[in-house]
């Protein structure tokens, strides 16, 4: 399976929205950005597919959501659902 930049962007956005639903409050891009050590603008660019993070940031994002890198990149059923 080849890397799909659009799937990664969609998953990052979907995961934030799912976390918002679970918590019963909005989880902002700024909140996620702070938790993973990037700027809000950078997180917005990740969600919009304008840029791709390095592996260390990808690990931090996956850890923040409690998923694997495979799931973040769309290589499993959980991330693709």
C-alpha atoms as a PDB file:
ATOM      1  CA  UNK A   1       0.000   0.000   0.000  1.00  0.00           C
ATOM      2  CA  UNK A   2       1.448   3.354  -1.027  1.00  0.00           C
ATOM      3  CA  UNK A   3       1.462   6.356   1.267  1.00  0.00           C
ATOM      4  CA  UNK A   4      -1.594   8.541   0.689  1.00  0.00           C
ATOM      5  CA  UNK A   5      -1.116  12.145   1.779  1.00  0.00           C
ATOM      6  CA  UNK A   6      -4.862  12.886   1.565  1.00  0.00           C
ATOM      7  CA  UNK A   7      -5.752   9.937   3.797  1.00  0.00           C
ATOM      8  CA  UNK A   8      -3.287  11.124   6.425  1.00  0.00           C
ATOM      9  CA  UNK A   9      -4.793  14.629   6.392  1.00  0.00           C
ATOM     10  CA  UNK A  10      -8.349  13.268   6.591  1.00  0.00           C
ATOM     11  CA  UNK A  11      -7.430  10.976   9.486  1.00  0.00           C
ATOM     12  CA  UNK A  12      -5.813  13.785  11.468  1.00  0.00           C
ATOM     13  CA  UNK A  13      -8.948  15.914  11.141  1.00  0.00           C
ATOM     14  CA  UNK A  14     -11.337  13.017  11.795  1.00  0.00           C
ATOM     15  CA  UNK A  15      -9.462  11.962  14.918  1.00  0.00           C
ATOM     16  CA  UNK A  16      -9.714  15.478  16.368  1.00  0.00           C
ATOM     17  CA  UNK A  17     -13.446  15.594  15.670  1.00  0.00           C
ATOM     18  CA  UNK A  18     -13.947  12.125  17.180  1.00  0.00           C
ATOM     19  CA  UNK A  19     -12.050  13.172  20.302  1.00  0.00           C
ATOM     20  CA  UNK A  20     -14.286  16.247  20.515  1.00  0.00           C
ATOM     21  CA  UNK A  21     -17.381  14.036  20.390  1.00  0.00           C
ATOM     22  CA  UNK A  22     -16.025  11.675  23.055  1.00  0.00           C
ATOM     23  CA  UNK A  23     -15.157  14.551  25.385  1.00  0.00           C
ATOM     24  CA  UNK A  24     -18.397  16.406  24.731  1.00  0.00           C
ATOM     25  CA  UNK A  25     -16.534  19.603  23.878  1.00  0.00           C
ATOM     26  CA  UNK A  26     -14.606  21.018  20.983  1.00  0.00           C
ATOM     27  CA  UNK A  27     -10.971  19.973  20.753  1.00  0.00           C
ATOM     28  CA  UNK A  28      -9.260  22.770  18.852  1.00  0.00           C
ATOM     29  CA  UNK A  29      -6.359  22.555  16.455  1.00  0.00           C
ATOM     30  CA  UNK A  30      -4.512  24.794  18.920  1.00  0.00           C
ATOM     31  CA  UNK A  31      -5.045  22.268  21.726  1.00  0.00           C
ATOM     32  CA  UNK A  32      -3.735  19.382  19.634  1.00  0.00           C
ATOM     33  CA  UNK A  33      -0.866  21.506  18.319  1.00  0.00           C
ATOM     34  CA  UNK A  34       0.254  22.408  21.832  1.00  0.00           C
ATOM     35  CA  UNK A  35       0.046  18.768  22.953  1.00  0.00           C
ATOM     36  CA  UNK A  36       2.244  17.554  20.089  1.00  0.00           C
ATOM     37  CA  UNK A  37       4.663  20.487  20.023  1.00  0.00           C
ATOM     38  CA  UNK A  38       3.802  22.315  16.793  1.00  0.00           C
ATOM     39  CA  UNK A  39       2.148  25.612  15.991  1.00  0.00           C
ATOM     40  CA  UNK A  40      -1.575  25.929  15.374  1.00  0.00           C
ATOM     41  CA  UNK A  41      -0.858  26.952  11.766  1.00  0.00           C
ATOM     42  CA  UNK A  42       1.228  23.817  11.285  1.00  0.00           C
ATOM     43  CA  UNK A  43      -1.554  21.612  12.669  1.00  0.00           C
ATOM     44  CA  UNK A  44      -4.038  23.330  10.363  1.00  0.00           C
ATOM     45  CA  UNK A  45      -1.742  22.625   7.417  1.00  0.00           C
ATOM     46  CA  UNK A  46      -1.553  18.948   8.404  1.00  0.00           C
ATOM     47  CA  UNK A  47      -5.354  18.699   8.517  1.00  0.00           C
ATOM     48  CA  UNK A  48      -5.710  20.440   5.169  1.00  0.00           C
ATOM     49  CA  UNK A  49      -3.036  18.287   3.542  1.00  0.00           C
ATOM     50  CA  UNK A  50      -0.818  21.281   2.803  1.00  0.00           C
ATOM     51  CA  UNK A  51       2.177  19.750   4.551  1.00  0.00           C
ATOM     52  CA  UNK A  52       3.329  16.426   5.933  1.00  0.00           C
ATOM     53  CA  UNK A  53       4.961  16.031   9.322  1.00  0.00           C
ATOM     54  CA  UNK A  54       8.217  14.273  10.074  1.00  0.00           C
ATOM     55  CA  UNK A  55       8.168  10.902  11.784  1.00  0.00           C
ATOM     56  CA  UNK A  56       8.696  12.332  15.293  1.00  0.00           C
ATOM     57  CA  UNK A  57       5.648  14.579  14.971  1.00  0.00           C
ATOM     58  CA  UNK A  58       3.664  11.705  13.486  1.00  0.00           C
ATOM     59  CA  UNK A  59       4.564   9.605  16.540  1.00  0.00           C
ATOM     60  CA  UNK A  60       3.444  12.391  18.882  1.00  0.00           C
ATOM     61  CA  UNK A  61       0.144  12.768  17.027  1.00  0.00           C
ATOM     62  CA  UNK A  62      -0.455   9.008  17.083  1.00  0.00           C
ATOM     63  CA  UNK A  63       0.380   8.906  20.801  1.00  0.00           C
ATOM     64  CA  UNK A  64      -1.959  11.840  21.492  1.00  0.00           C
ATOM     65  CA  UNK A  65      -4.852   9.908  19.954  1.00  0.00           C
ATOM     66  CA  UNK A  66      -3.767   6.538  21.341  1.00  0.00           C
ATOM     67  CA  UNK A  67      -3.300   4.916  17.939  1.00  0.00           C
ATOM     68  CA  UNK A  68      -0.445   3.442  15.914  1.00  0.00           C
ATOM     69  CA  UNK A  69       1.387   5.110  13.048  1.00  0.00           C
ATOM     70  CA  UNK A  70      -0.243   2.578  10.726  1.00  0.00           C
ATOM     71  CA  UNK A  71      -3.656   3.682  11.927  1.00  0.00           C
ATOM     72  CA  UNK A  72      -2.736   7.358  11.555  1.00  0.00           C
ATOM     73  CA  UNK A  73      -1.610   6.755   7.981  1.00  0.00           C
ATOM     74  CA  UNK A  74      -4.711   4.742   7.103  1.00  0.00           C
ATOM     75  CA  UNK A  75      -3.116   1.296   6.956  1.00  0.00           C
ATOM     76  CA  UNK A  76      -5.667  -0.304   9.262  1.00  0.00           C
ATOM     77  CA  UNK A  77      -9.428  -0.672   9.529  1.00  0.00           C
ATOM     78  CA  UNK A  78      -9.633   1.483  12.664  1.00  0.00           C
ATOM     79  CA  UNK A  79      -8.265   4.638  11.024  1.00  0.00           C
ATOM     80  CA  UNK A  80     -10.150   4.085   7.793  1.00  0.00           C
ATOM     81  CA  UNK A  81     -13.548   3.610   9.419  1.00  0.00           C
END
